[in-house]
Structure formats: C-alpha cells, structure tokens
Amino acid sequence: MEVAASVTRDGKPFMATNLSLSNLLTTLKALLQPVRDGLIIEEWHWIRDTQLHENAYSYRCNGPGAMATLRMAALNLHRLAGYESICAGIQAVRHHITALLALVKRQPQPNSC
C-alpha cells in the first residue's frame, strides 16, 4: 500500500510517501484508518516541536507529562479562539496578558452538529 501526503510547510510544498505491506484480509478503508490516525498524531507532534520546541527540553519525573498536557491545552485554546496559525496565535498573546487571560476564560461554543 502506498500513501502519499502533500502539505505546505513554511510556504513551500512538501510531499511525503509511505509504503506499507500487510497480509491482513480486510477492506482498503479499514486498512487506511490506522494510517490516517498516525498522520494526525504526527501532525500534532510536528506543531508541538516546531512551534513550542518540545524536543529541546528534558524534564524529570512527572515533568514531561505535565508539560505535554500544558502544551496541548495551549494549542487547543488557540484553536478554540479561531487562530488558523498557531504561530500567529502565540504572537498575538505573547506580550499581551489580557489577551492571554481572555483565551483561558473563553467558553466553548455549543457544537452545531
């Protein structure tokens, strides 16, 4: 199975191709679901590393889990606030304490589904 993904990074197109072999007897849709799930996870890891520099720090004991939780909360707050770009969201609140507190106090909107 060949899975190709194309995205834009730093304004430049980026293409990645992954090849997989399997002897499972299943449908293509069922076989692709774990691949899609893995790509979504990697997308979040890439954002956390490039925007929040997660891999640059080493923590001990409960530190890694606590910091990962705080980073994900920060990313989710920026997404809830409507920022398309995490970088733009970070820049908007970096030196503006009232904007940062507004992100934290923001109430989630009811899902329209």
PDB file of N, CA and C in Angstrom:
ATOM      1  N   MET A   1       0.844  -1.159   0.000  1.00  0.00           N
ATOM      2  CA  MET A   1       0.000   0.000   0.000  1.00  0.00           C
ATOM      3  C   MET A   1       0.897   1.232   0.000  1.00  0.00           C
ATOM      4  N   GLU A   2       0.533   2.215  -0.777  1.00  0.00           N
ATOM      5  CA  GLU A   2       1.282   3.462  -0.863  1.00  0.00           C
ATOM      6  C   GLU A   2       0.365   4.603  -0.433  1.00  0.00           C
ATOM      7  N   VAL A   3       0.832   5.415   0.522  1.00  0.00           N
ATOM      8  CA  VAL A   3       0.082   6.572   0.995  1.00  0.00           C
ATOM      9  C   VAL A   3       0.932   7.807   0.746  1.00  0.00           C
ATOM     10  N   ALA A   4       0.387   8.745  -0.010  1.00  0.00           N
ATOM     11  CA  ALA A   4       1.100   9.983  -0.308  1.00  0.00           C
ATOM     12  C   ALA A   4       0.389  11.135   0.391  1.00  0.00           C
ATOM     13  N   ALA A   5       1.164  12.016   0.975  1.00  0.00           N
ATOM     14  CA  ALA A   5       0.614  13.190   1.646  1.00  0.00           C
ATOM     15  C   ALA A   5       1.344  14.423   1.140  1.00  0.00           C
ATOM     16  N   SER A   6       0.577  15.473   0.877  1.00  0.00           N
ATOM     17  CA  SER A   6       1.205  16.725   0.465  1.00  0.00           C
ATOM     18  C   SER A   6       0.664  17.843   1.351  1.00  0.00           C
ATOM     19  N   VAL A   7       1.579  18.638   1.877  1.00  0.00           N
ATOM     20  CA  VAL A   7       1.239  19.757   2.748  1.00  0.00           C
ATOM     21  C   VAL A   7       2.113  20.947   2.373  1.00  0.00           C
ATOM     22  N   THR A   8       1.848  22.073   3.005  1.00  0.00           N
ATOM     23  CA  THR A   8       2.680  23.258   2.821  1.00  0.00           C
ATOM     24  C   THR A   8       3.365  23.558   4.139  1.00  0.00           C
ATOM     25  N   ARG A   9       4.676  23.642   4.129  1.00  0.00           N
ATOM     26  CA  ARG A   9       5.466  23.977   5.307  1.00  0.00           C
ATOM     27  C   ARG A   9       6.332  25.180   4.986  1.00  0.00           C
ATOM     28  N   ASP A  10       6.206  26.202   5.799  1.00  0.00           N
ATOM     29  CA  ASP A  10       6.953  27.439   5.594  1.00  0.00           C
ATOM     30  C   ASP A  10       6.727  28.003   4.192  1.00  0.00           C
ATOM     31  N   GLY A  11       5.496  27.871   3.704  1.00  0.00           N
ATOM     32  CA  GLY A  11       5.159  28.405   2.392  1.00  0.00           C
ATOM     33  C   GLY A  11       5.638  27.584   1.219  1.00  0.00           C
ATOM     34  N   LYS A  12       6.235  26.422   1.483  1.00  0.00           N
ATOM     35  CA  LYS A  12       6.749  25.577   0.411  1.00  0.00           C
ATOM     36  C   LYS A  12       6.001  24.244   0.412  1.00  0.00           C
ATOM     37  N   PRO A  13       5.684  23.720  -0.786  1.00  0.00           N
ATOM     38  CA  PRO A  13       5.015  22.420  -0.835  1.00  0.00           C
ATOM     39  C   PRO A  13       5.950  21.308  -0.361  1.00  0.00           C
ATOM     40  N   PHE A  14       5.399  20.373   0.381  1.00  0.00           N
ATOM     41  CA  PHE A  14       6.166  19.243   0.908  1.00  0.00           C
ATOM     42  C   PHE A  14       5.379  17.976   0.610  1.00  0.00           C
ATOM     43  N   MET A  15       6.040  16.972   0.060  1.00  0.00           N
ATOM     44  CA  MET A  15       5.386  15.720  -0.311  1.00  0.00           C
ATOM     45  C   MET A  15       6.094  14.562   0.369  1.00  0.00           C
ATOM     46  N   ALA A  16       5.315  13.692   0.993  1.00  0.00           N
ATOM     47  CA  ALA A  16       5.877  12.504   1.636  1.00  0.00           C
ATOM     48  C   ALA A  16       5.110  11.280   1.154  1.00  0.00           C
ATOM     49  N   THR A  17       5.830  10.200   0.928  1.00  0.00           N
ATOM     50  CA  THR A  17       5.223   8.946   0.501  1.00  0.00           C
ATOM     51  C   THR A  17       5.648   7.851   1.460  1.00  0.00           C
ATOM     52  N   ASN A  18       4.669   7.103   1.968  1.00  0.00           N
ATOM     53  CA  ASN A  18       4.935   5.989   2.877  1.00  0.00           C
ATOM     54  C   ASN A  18       4.444   4.700   2.233  1.00  0.00           C
ATOM     55  N   LEU A  19       5.277   3.676   2.301  1.00  0.00           N
ATOM     56  CA  LEU A  19       4.924   2.365   1.763  1.00  0.00           C
ATOM     57  C   LEU A  19       4.712   1.397   2.919  1.00  0.00           C
ATOM     58  N   SER A  20       3.664   0.572   2.820  1.00  0.00           N
ATOM     59  CA  SER A  20       3.359  -0.407   3.864  1.00  0.00           C
ATOM     60  C   SER A  20       3.001  -1.738   3.225  1.00  0.00           C
ATOM     61  N   LEU A  21       3.342  -2.806   3.912  1.00  0.00           N
ATOM     62  CA  LEU A  21       2.962  -4.155   3.497  1.00  0.00           C
ATOM     63  C   LEU A  21       2.095  -4.775   4.582  1.00  0.00           C
ATOM     64  N   SER A  22       1.099  -5.542   4.169  1.00  0.00           N
ATOM     65  CA  SER A  22       0.238  -6.208   5.140  1.00  0.00           C
ATOM     66  C   SER A  22      -0.302  -7.493   4.531  1.00  0.00           C
ATOM     67  N   ASN A  23      -0.462  -8.509   5.377  1.00  0.00           N
ATOM     68  CA  ASN A  23      -1.076  -9.746   4.912  1.00  0.00           C
ATOM     69  C   ASN A  23      -2.490  -9.888   5.476  1.00  0.00           C
ATOM     70  N   LEU A  24      -3.037  -8.805   6.008  1.00  0.00           N
ATOM     71  CA  LEU A  24      -4.394  -8.826   6.540  1.00  0.00           C
ATOM     72  C   LEU A  24      -5.409  -8.876   5.406  1.00  0.00           C
ATOM     73  N   LEU A  25      -6.454  -9.640   5.599  1.00  0.00           N
ATOM     74  CA  LEU A  25      -7.551  -9.680   4.643  1.00  0.00           C
ATOM     75  C   LEU A  25      -8.637  -8.743   5.169  1.00  0.00           C
ATOM     76  N   THR A  26      -8.671  -7.548   4.623  1.00  0.00           N
ATOM     77  CA  THR A  26      -9.614  -6.540   5.077  1.00  0.00           C
ATOM     78  C   THR A  26      -9.889  -5.573   3.940  1.00  0.00           C
ATOM     79  N   THR A  27     -10.751  -4.614   4.189  1.00  0.00           N
ATOM     80  CA  THR A  27     -11.039  -3.614   3.160  1.00  0.00           C
ATOM     81  C   THR A  27      -9.963  -2.537   3.178  1.00  0.00           C
ATOM     82  N   LEU A  28      -9.847  -1.847   2.078  1.00  0.00           N
ATOM     83  CA  LEU A  28      -8.870  -0.764   1.985  1.00  0.00           C
ATOM     84  C   LEU A  28      -9.189   0.346   2.989  1.00  0.00           C
ATOM     85  N   LYS A  29     -10.483   0.643   3.159  1.00  0.00           N
ATOM     86  CA  LYS A  29     -10.893   1.687   4.100  1.00  0.00           C
ATOM     87  C   LYS A  29     -10.453   1.337   5.518  1.00  0.00           C
ATOM     88  N   ALA A  30     -10.651   0.087   5.936  1.00  0.00           N
ATOM     89  CA  ALA A  30     -10.257  -0.333   7.282  1.00  0.00           C
ATOM     90  C   ALA A  30      -8.735  -0.338   7.431  1.00  0.00           C
ATOM     91  N   LEU A  31      -8.033  -0.640   6.372  1.00  0.00           N
ATOM     92  CA  LEU A  31      -6.576  -0.667   6.413  1.00  0.00           C
ATOM     93  C   LEU A  31      -5.983   0.744   6.483  1.00  0.00           C
ATOM     94  N   LEU A  32      -6.651   1.714   5.871  1.00  0.00           N
ATOM     95  CA  LEU A  32      -6.144   3.077   5.851  1.00  0.00           C
ATOM     96  C   LEU A  32      -6.426   3.851   7.140  1.00  0.00           C
ATOM     97  N   GLN A  33      -7.411   3.431   7.935  1.00  0.00           N
ATOM     98  CA  GLN A  33      -7.759   4.185   9.138  1.00  0.00           C
ATOM     99  C   GLN A  33      -6.586   4.335  10.114  1.00  0.00           C
ATOM    100  N   PRO A  34      -5.840   3.268  10.447  1.00  0.00           N
ATOM    101  CA  PRO A  34      -4.684   3.467  11.330  1.00  0.00           C
ATOM    102  C   PRO A  34      -3.623   4.387  10.727  1.00  0.00           C
ATOM    103  N   VAL A  35      -3.482   4.370   9.398  1.00  0.00           N
ATOM    104  CA  VAL A  35      -2.521   5.257   8.741  1.00  0.00           C
ATOM    105  C   VAL A  35      -2.956   6.704   8.930  1.00  0.00           C
ATOM    106  N   ARG A  36      -4.245   6.971   8.696  1.00  0.00           N
ATOM    107  CA  ARG A  36      -4.763   8.335   8.883  1.00  0.00           C
ATOM    108  C   ARG A  36      -4.608   8.780  10.331  1.00  0.00           C
ATOM    109  N   ASP A  37      -4.918   7.900  11.267  1.00  0.00           N
ATOM    110  CA  ASP A  37      -4.780   8.234  12.688  1.00  0.00           C
ATOM    111  C   ASP A  37      -3.334   8.584  13.024  1.00  0.00           C
ATOM    112  N   GLY A  38      -2.404   7.828  12.477  1.00  0.00           N
ATOM    113  CA  GLY A  38      -0.988   8.097  12.723  1.00  0.00           C
ATOM    114  C   GLY A  38      -0.545   9.417  12.137  1.00  0.00           C
ATOM    115  N   LEU A  39      -1.062   9.775  10.951  1.00  0.00           N
ATOM    116  CA  LEU A  39      -0.709  11.053  10.336  1.00  0.00           C
ATOM    117  C   LEU A  39      -1.231  12.221  11.158  1.00  0.00           C
ATOM    118  N   ILE A  40      -2.414  12.078  11.742  1.00  0.00           N
ATOM    119  CA  ILE A  40      -2.970  13.144  12.581  1.00  0.00           C
ATOM    120  C   ILE A  40      -2.109  13.325  13.823  1.00  0.00           C
ATOM    121  N   ILE A  41      -1.682  12.231  14.431  1.00  0.00           N
ATOM    122  CA  ILE A  41      -0.830  12.309  15.612  1.00  0.00           C
ATOM    123  C   ILE A  41       0.495  12.974  15.258  1.00  0.00           C
ATOM    124  N   GLU A  42       1.083  12.587  14.137  1.00  0.00           N
ATOM    125  CA  GLU A  42       2.354  13.179  13.728  1.00  0.00           C
ATOM    126  C   GLU A  42       2.215  14.667  13.424  1.00  0.00           C
ATOM    127  N   GLU A  43       1.071  15.062  12.879  1.00  0.00           N
ATOM    128  CA  GLU A  43       0.840  16.481  12.617  1.00  0.00           C
ATOM    129  C   GLU A  43       0.886  17.280  13.911  1.00  0.00           C
ATOM    130  N   TRP A  44       0.248  16.782  14.986  1.00  0.00           N
ATOM    131  CA  TRP A  44       0.278  17.465  16.282  1.00  0.00           C
ATOM    132  C   TRP A  44       1.688  17.474  16.862  1.00  0.00           C
ATOM    133  N   HIS A  45       2.415  16.370  16.724  1.00  0.00           N
ATOM    134  CA  HIS A  45       3.798  16.332  17.224  1.00  0.00           C
ATOM    135  C   HIS A  45       4.665  17.347  16.480  1.00  0.00           C
ATOM    136  N   TRP A  46       4.462  17.457  15.170  1.00  0.00           N
ATOM    137  CA  TRP A  46       5.239  18.409  14.385  1.00  0.00           C
ATOM    138  C   TRP A  46       4.967  19.834  14.853  1.00  0.00           C
ATOM    139  N   ILE A  47       3.691  20.184  15.088  1.00  0.00           N
ATOM    140  CA  ILE A  47       3.339  21.519  15.579  1.00  0.00           C
ATOM    141  C   ILE A  47       3.958  21.757  16.939  1.00  0.00           C
ATOM    142  N   ARG A  48       3.855  20.763  17.835  1.00  0.00           N
ATOM    143  CA  ARG A  48       4.393  20.938  19.182  1.00  0.00           C
ATOM    144  C   ARG A  48       5.906  21.121  19.153  1.00  0.00           C
ATOM    145  N   ASP A  49       6.583  20.468  18.231  1.00  0.00           N
ATOM    146  CA  ASP A  49       8.035  20.599  18.183  1.00  0.00           C
ATOM    147  C   ASP A  49       8.469  21.889  17.490  1.00  0.00           C
ATOM    148  N   THR A  50       7.850  22.234  16.365  1.00  0.00           N
ATOM    149  CA  THR A  50       8.302  23.410  15.628  1.00  0.00           C
ATOM    150  C   THR A  50       7.845  24.715  16.265  1.00  0.00           C
ATOM    151  N   GLN A  51       6.654  24.750  16.833  1.00  0.00           N
ATOM    152  CA  GLN A  51       6.137  25.997  17.401  1.00  0.00           C
ATOM    153  C   GLN A  51       6.447  26.143  18.888  1.00  0.00           C
ATOM    154  N   LEU A  52       6.441  25.028  19.618  1.00  0.00           N
ATOM    155  CA  LEU A  52       6.657  25.081  21.065  1.00  0.00           C
ATOM    156  C   LEU A  52       7.999  24.492  21.480  1.00  0.00           C
ATOM    157  N   HIS A  53       8.786  24.010  20.513  1.00  0.00           N
ATOM    158  CA  HIS A  53      10.142  23.484  20.745  1.00  0.00           C
ATOM    159  C   HIS A  53      10.165  22.400  21.827  1.00  0.00           C
ATOM    160  N   GLU A  54       9.211  21.494  21.742  1.00  0.00           N
ATOM    161  CA  GLU A  54       9.051  20.454  22.761  1.00  0.00           C
ATOM    162  C   GLU A  54      10.282  19.559  22.902  1.00  0.00           C
ATOM    163  N   ASN A  55      10.931  19.236  21.808  1.00  0.00           N
ATOM    164  CA  ASN A  55      12.075  18.323  21.876  1.00  0.00           C
ATOM    165  C   ASN A  55      13.343  18.983  22.403  1.00  0.00           C
ATOM    166  N   ALA A  56      13.325  20.293  22.600  1.00  0.00           N
ATOM    167  CA  ALA A  56      14.516  20.997  23.065  1.00  0.00           C
ATOM    168  C   ALA A  56      14.690  20.904  24.585  1.00  0.00           C
ATOM    169  N   TYR A  57      13.678  20.423  25.279  1.00  0.00           N
ATOM    170  CA  TYR A  57      13.727  20.402  26.743  1.00  0.00           C
ATOM    171  C   TYR A  57      13.732  18.970  27.259  1.00  0.00           C
ATOM    172  N   SER A  58      14.375  18.772  28.394  1.00  0.00           N
ATOM    173  CA  SER A  58      14.306  17.469  29.057  1.00  0.00           C
ATOM    174  C   SER A  58      13.854  17.703  30.497  1.00  0.00           C
ATOM    175  N   TYR A  59      12.840  16.987  30.896  1.00  0.00           N
ATOM    176  CA  TYR A  59      12.279  17.109  32.234  1.00  0.00           C
ATOM    177  C   TYR A  59      12.404  15.766  32.935  1.00  0.00           C
ATOM    178  N   ARG A  60      12.281  15.779  34.245  1.00  0.00           N
ATOM    179  CA  ARG A  60      12.362  14.553  35.035  1.00  0.00           C
ATOM    180  C   ARG A  60      11.029  14.274  35.706  1.00  0.00           C
ATOM    181  N   CYS A  61      10.878  13.062  36.158  1.00  0.00           N
ATOM    182  CA  CYS A  61       9.703  12.608  36.924  1.00  0.00           C
ATOM    183  C   CYS A  61       8.417  12.883  36.152  1.00  0.00           C
ATOM    184  N   ASN A  62       7.533  13.675  36.735  1.00  0.00           N
ATOM    185  CA  ASN A  62       6.240  13.956  36.102  1.00  0.00           C
ATOM    186  C   ASN A  62       6.302  15.124  35.129  1.00  0.00           C
ATOM    187  N   GLY A  63       7.454  15.746  34.998  1.00  0.00           N
ATOM    188  CA  GLY A  63       7.600  16.927  34.156  1.00  0.00           C
ATOM    189  C   GLY A  63       7.185  16.736  32.709  1.00  0.00           C
ATOM    190  N   PRO A  64       7.628  15.669  32.017  1.00  0.00           N
ATOM    191  CA  PRO A  64       7.267  15.523  30.609  1.00  0.00           C
ATOM    192  C   PRO A  64       5.756  15.440  30.390  1.00  0.00           C
ATOM    193  N   GLY A  65       5.082  14.663  31.206  1.00  0.00           N
ATOM    194  CA  GLY A  65       3.630  14.535  31.060  1.00  0.00           C
ATOM    195  C   GLY A  65       2.904  15.828  31.369  1.00  0.00           C
ATOM    196  N   ALA A  66       3.347  16.515  32.422  1.00  0.00           N
ATOM    197  CA  ALA A  66       2.716  17.778  32.800  1.00  0.00           C
ATOM    198  C   ALA A  66       2.909  18.833  31.713  1.00  0.00           C
ATOM    199  N   MET A  67       4.112  18.931  31.196  1.00  0.00           N
ATOM    200  CA  MET A  67       4.377  19.931  30.157  1.00  0.00           C
ATOM    201  C   MET A  67       3.648  19.594  28.857  1.00  0.00           C
ATOM    202  N   ALA A  68       3.558  18.315  28.510  1.00  0.00           N
ATOM    203  CA  ALA A  68       2.812  17.919  27.307  1.00  0.00           C
ATOM    204  C   ALA A  68       1.342  18.297  27.452  1.00  0.00           C
ATOM    205  N   THR A  69       0.788  18.109  28.640  1.00  0.00           N
ATOM    206  CA  THR A  69      -0.607  18.475  28.895  1.00  0.00           C
ATOM    207  C   THR A  69      -0.797  19.982  28.760  1.00  0.00           C
ATOM    208  N   LEU A  70       0.107  20.765  29.334  1.00  0.00           N
ATOM    209  CA  LEU A  70       0.009  22.223  29.234  1.00  0.00           C
ATOM    210  C   LEU A  70       0.158  22.695  27.788  1.00  0.00           C
ATOM    211  N   ARG A  71       1.068  22.080  27.039  1.00  0.00           N
ATOM    212  CA  ARG A  71       1.255  22.470  25.638  1.00  0.00           C
ATOM    213  C   ARG A  71       0.008  22.161  24.813  1.00  0.00           C
ATOM    214  N   MET A  72      -0.577  20.988  25.023  1.00  0.00           N
ATOM    215  CA  MET A  72      -1.792  20.639  24.283  1.00  0.00           C
ATOM    216  C   MET A  72      -2.939  21.559  24.664  1.00  0.00           C
ATOM    217  N   ALA A  73      -3.035  21.917  25.939  1.00  0.00           N
ATOM    218  CA  ALA A  73      -4.077  22.858  26.364  1.00  0.00           C
ATOM    219  C   ALA A  73      -3.883  24.203  25.658  1.00  0.00           C
ATOM    220  N   ALA A  74      -2.645  24.668  25.573  1.00  0.00           N
ATOM    221  CA  ALA A  74      -2.357  25.939  24.900  1.00  0.00           C
ATOM    222  C   ALA A  74      -2.732  25.865  23.421  1.00  0.00           C
ATOM    223  N   LEU A  75      -2.379  24.774  22.762  1.00  0.00           N
ATOM    224  CA  LEU A  75      -2.724  24.620  21.346  1.00  0.00           C
ATOM    225  C   LEU A  75      -4.231  24.596  21.152  1.00  0.00           C
ATOM    226  N   ASN A  76      -4.933  23.874  22.011  1.00  0.00           N
ATOM    227  CA  ASN A  76      -6.389  23.802  21.897  1.00  0.00           C
ATOM    228  C   ASN A  76      -7.045  25.143  22.177  1.00  0.00           C
ATOM    229  N   LEU A  77      -6.521  25.916  23.127  1.00  0.00           N
ATOM    230  CA  LEU A  77      -7.059  27.253  23.388  1.00  0.00           C
ATOM    231  C   LEU A  77      -6.894  28.157  22.167  1.00  0.00           C
ATOM    232  N   HIS A  78      -5.756  28.063  21.501  1.00  0.00           N
ATOM    233  CA  HIS A  78      -5.547  28.863  20.293  1.00  0.00           C
ATOM    234  C   HIS A  78      -6.504  28.441  19.184  1.00  0.00           C
ATOM    235  N   ARG A  79      -6.718  27.155  19.031  1.00  0.00           N
ATOM    236  CA  ARG A  79      -7.661  26.676  18.013  1.00  0.00           C
ATOM    237  C   ARG A  79      -9.079  27.130  18.331  1.00  0.00           C
ATOM    238  N   LEU A  80      -9.495  27.025  19.606  1.00  0.00           N
ATOM    239  CA  LEU A  80     -10.832  27.470  20.005  1.00  0.00           C
ATOM    240  C   LEU A  80     -11.024  28.965  19.774  1.00  0.00           C
ATOM    241  N   ALA A  81      -9.952  29.727  19.920  1.00  0.00           N
ATOM    242  CA  ALA A  81     -10.029  31.175  19.710  1.00  0.00           C
ATOM    243  C   ALA A  81     -10.104  31.528  18.227  1.00  0.00           C
ATOM    244  N   GLY A  82      -9.945  30.539  17.352  1.00  0.00           N
ATOM    245  CA  GLY A  82     -10.094  30.770  15.923  1.00  0.00           C
ATOM    246  C   GLY A  82      -8.816  31.054  15.170  1.00  0.00           C
ATOM    247  N   TYR A  83      -7.678  30.888  15.812  1.00  0.00           N
ATOM    248  CA  TYR A  83      -6.419  31.118  15.115  1.00  0.00           C
ATOM    249  C   TYR A  83      -6.161  29.967  14.143  1.00  0.00           C
ATOM    250  N   GLU A  84      -5.996  30.296  12.884  1.00  0.00           N
ATOM    251  CA  GLU A  84      -5.653  29.288  11.878  1.00  0.00           C
ATOM    252  C   GLU A  84      -4.203  28.858  12.041  1.00  0.00           C
ATOM    253  N   SER A  85      -3.362  29.802  12.448  1.00  0.00           N
ATOM    254  CA  SER A  85      -1.942  29.548  12.614  1.00  0.00           C
ATOM    255  C   SER A  85      -1.589  29.612  14.093  1.00  0.00           C
ATOM    256  N   ILE A  86      -0.975  28.550  14.598  1.00  0.00           N
ATOM    257  CA  ILE A  86      -0.538  28.544  15.990  1.00  0.00           C
ATOM    258  C   ILE A  86       0.503  29.627  16.217  1.00  0.00           C
ATOM    259  N   CYS A  87       1.378  29.821  15.249  1.00  0.00           N
ATOM    260  CA  CYS A  87       2.407  30.853  15.359  1.00  0.00           C
ATOM    261  C   CYS A  87       1.768  32.230  15.516  1.00  0.00           C
ATOM    262  N   ALA A  88       0.735  32.527  14.725  1.00  0.00           N
ATOM    263  CA  ALA A  88       0.046  33.812  14.827  1.00  0.00           C
ATOM    264  C   ALA A  88      -0.633  33.953  16.187  1.00  0.00           C
ATOM    265  N   GLY A  89      -1.215  32.872  16.685  1.00  0.00           N
ATOM    266  CA  GLY A  89      -1.854  32.908  17.991  1.00  0.00           C
ATOM    267  C   GLY A  89      -0.868  33.168  19.106  1.00  0.00           C
ATOM    268  N   ILE A  90       0.281  32.528  19.032  1.00  0.00           N
ATOM    269  CA  ILE A  90       1.319  32.740  20.048  1.00  0.00           C
ATOM    270  C   ILE A  90       1.805  34.182  19.999  1.00  0.00           C
ATOM    271  N   GLN A  91       2.027  34.705  18.809  1.00  0.00           N
ATOM    272  CA  GLN A  91       2.479  36.087  18.669  1.00  0.00           C
ATOM    273  C   GLN A  91       1.444  37.074  19.211  1.00  0.00           C
ATOM    274  N   ALA A  92       0.149  36.751  19.039  1.00  0.00           N
ATOM    275  CA  ALA A  92      -0.909  37.661  19.466  1.00  0.00           C
ATOM    276  C   ALA A  92      -0.988  37.795  20.984  1.00  0.00           C
ATOM    277  N   VAL A  93      -0.644  36.741  21.713  1.00  0.00           N
ATOM    278  CA  VAL A  93      -0.788  36.792  23.177  1.00  0.00           C
ATOM    279  C   VAL A  93       0.535  36.802  23.923  1.00  0.00           C
ATOM    280  N   ARG A  94       1.640  36.721  23.214  1.00  0.00           N
ATOM    281  CA  ARG A  94       2.947  36.586  23.854  1.00  0.00           C
ATOM    282  C   ARG A  94       3.233  37.681  24.881  1.00  0.00           C
ATOM    283  N   HIS A  95       2.994  38.929  24.547  1.00  0.00           N
ATOM    284  CA  HIS A  95       3.288  40.034  25.458  1.00  0.00           C
ATOM    285  C   HIS A  95       2.018  40.805  25.823  1.00  0.00           C
ATOM    286  N   HIS A  96       0.883  40.127  25.750  1.00  0.00           N
ATOM    287  CA  HIS A  96      -0.400  40.786  25.999  1.00  0.00           C
ATOM    288  C   HIS A  96      -1.189  39.940  27.001  1.00  0.00           C
ATOM    289  N   ILE A  97      -1.014  40.225  28.290  1.00  0.00           N
ATOM    290  CA  ILE A  97      -1.581  39.386  29.343  1.00  0.00           C
ATOM    291  C   ILE A  97      -3.103  39.337  29.293  1.00  0.00           C
ATOM    292  N   THR A  98      -3.770  40.431  28.940  1.00  0.00           N
ATOM    293  CA  THR A  98      -5.235  40.391  28.895  1.00  0.00           C
ATOM    294  C   THR A  98      -5.734  39.502  27.760  1.00  0.00           C
ATOM    295  N   ALA A  99      -5.025  39.492  26.636  1.00  0.00           N
ATOM    296  CA  ALA A  99      -5.399  38.597  25.534  1.00  0.00           C
ATOM    297  C   ALA A  99      -5.180  37.138  25.934  1.00  0.00           C
ATOM    298  N   LEU A 100      -4.105  36.877  26.671  1.00  0.00           N
ATOM    299  CA  LEU A 100      -3.836  35.521  27.140  1.00  0.00           C
ATOM    300  C   LEU A 100      -4.918  35.061  28.115  1.00  0.00           C
ATOM    301  N   LEU A 101      -5.284  35.930  29.045  1.00  0.00           N
ATOM    302  CA  LEU A 101      -6.341  35.580  30.005  1.00  0.00           C
ATOM    303  C   LEU A 101      -7.683  35.406  29.313  1.00  0.00           C
ATOM    304  N   ALA A 102      -7.938  36.166  28.256  1.00  0.00           N
ATOM    305  CA  ALA A 102      -9.186  36.005  27.500  1.00  0.00           C
ATOM    306  C   ALA A 102      -9.251  34.627  26.851  1.00  0.00           C
ATOM    307  N   LEU A 103      -8.102  34.109  26.389  1.00  0.00           N
ATOM    308  CA  LEU A 103      -8.080  32.748  25.837  1.00  0.00           C
ATOM    309  C   LEU A 103      -8.477  31.724  26.891  1.00  0.00           C
ATOM    310  N   VAL A 104      -7.951  31.899  28.103  1.00  0.00           N
ATOM    311  CA  VAL A 104      -8.206  30.935  29.171  1.00  0.00           C
ATOM    312  C   VAL A 104      -9.651  31.004  29.642  1.00  0.00           C
ATOM    313  N   LYS A 105     -10.241  32.207  29.653  1.00  0.00           N
ATOM    314  CA  LYS A 105     -11.619  32.389  30.145  1.00  0.00           C
ATOM    315  C   LYS A 105     -12.660  32.069  29.077  1.00  0.00           C
ATOM    316  N   ARG A 106     -12.243  31.885  27.855  1.00  0.00           N
ATOM    317  CA  ARG A 106     -13.175  31.666  26.744  1.00  0.00           C
ATOM    318  C   ARG A 106     -14.039  30.438  26.983  1.00  0.00           C
ATOM    319  N   GLN A 107     -15.338  30.592  26.768  1.00  0.00           N
ATOM    320  CA  GLN A 107     -16.279  29.482  26.915  1.00  0.00           C
ATOM    321  C   GLN A 107     -16.421  28.751  25.590  1.00  0.00           C
ATOM    322  N   PRO A 108     -16.377  27.427  25.610  1.00  0.00           N
ATOM    323  CA  PRO A 108     -16.557  26.683  24.351  1.00  0.00           C
ATOM    324  C   PRO A 108     -17.949  26.913  23.789  1.00  0.00           C
ATOM    325  N   GLN A 109     -18.043  27.011  22.472  1.00  0.00           N
ATOM    326  CA  GLN A 109     -19.322  27.187  21.808  1.00  0.00           C
ATOM    327  C   GLN A 109     -19.990  25.834  21.640  1.00  0.00           C
ATOM    328  N   PRO A 110     -21.336  25.781  21.778  1.00  0.00           N
ATOM    329  CA  PRO A 110     -22.005  24.501  21.574  1.00  0.00           C
ATOM    330  C   PRO A 110     -21.805  23.998  20.163  1.00  0.00           C
ATOM    331  N   ASN A 111     -21.641  22.705  20.046  1.00  0.00           N
ATOM    332  CA  ASN A 111     -21.421  22.094  18.729  1.00  0.00           C
ATOM    333  C   ASN A 111     -22.713  22.137  17.937  1.00  0.00           C
ATOM    334  N   SER A 112     -22.635  22.585  16.709  1.00  0.00           N
ATOM    335  CA  SER A 112     -23.848  22.741  15.880  1.00  0.00           C
ATOM    336  C   SER A 112     -24.236  21.460  15.155  1.00  0.00           C
ATOM    337  N   CYS A 113     -23.521  20.366  15.369  1.00  0.00           N
ATOM    338  CA  CYS A 113     -23.826  19.104  14.675  1.00  0.00           C
ATOM    339  C   CYS A 113     -25.082  18.467  15.195  1.00  0.00           C
TER     340      CYS A 113
END
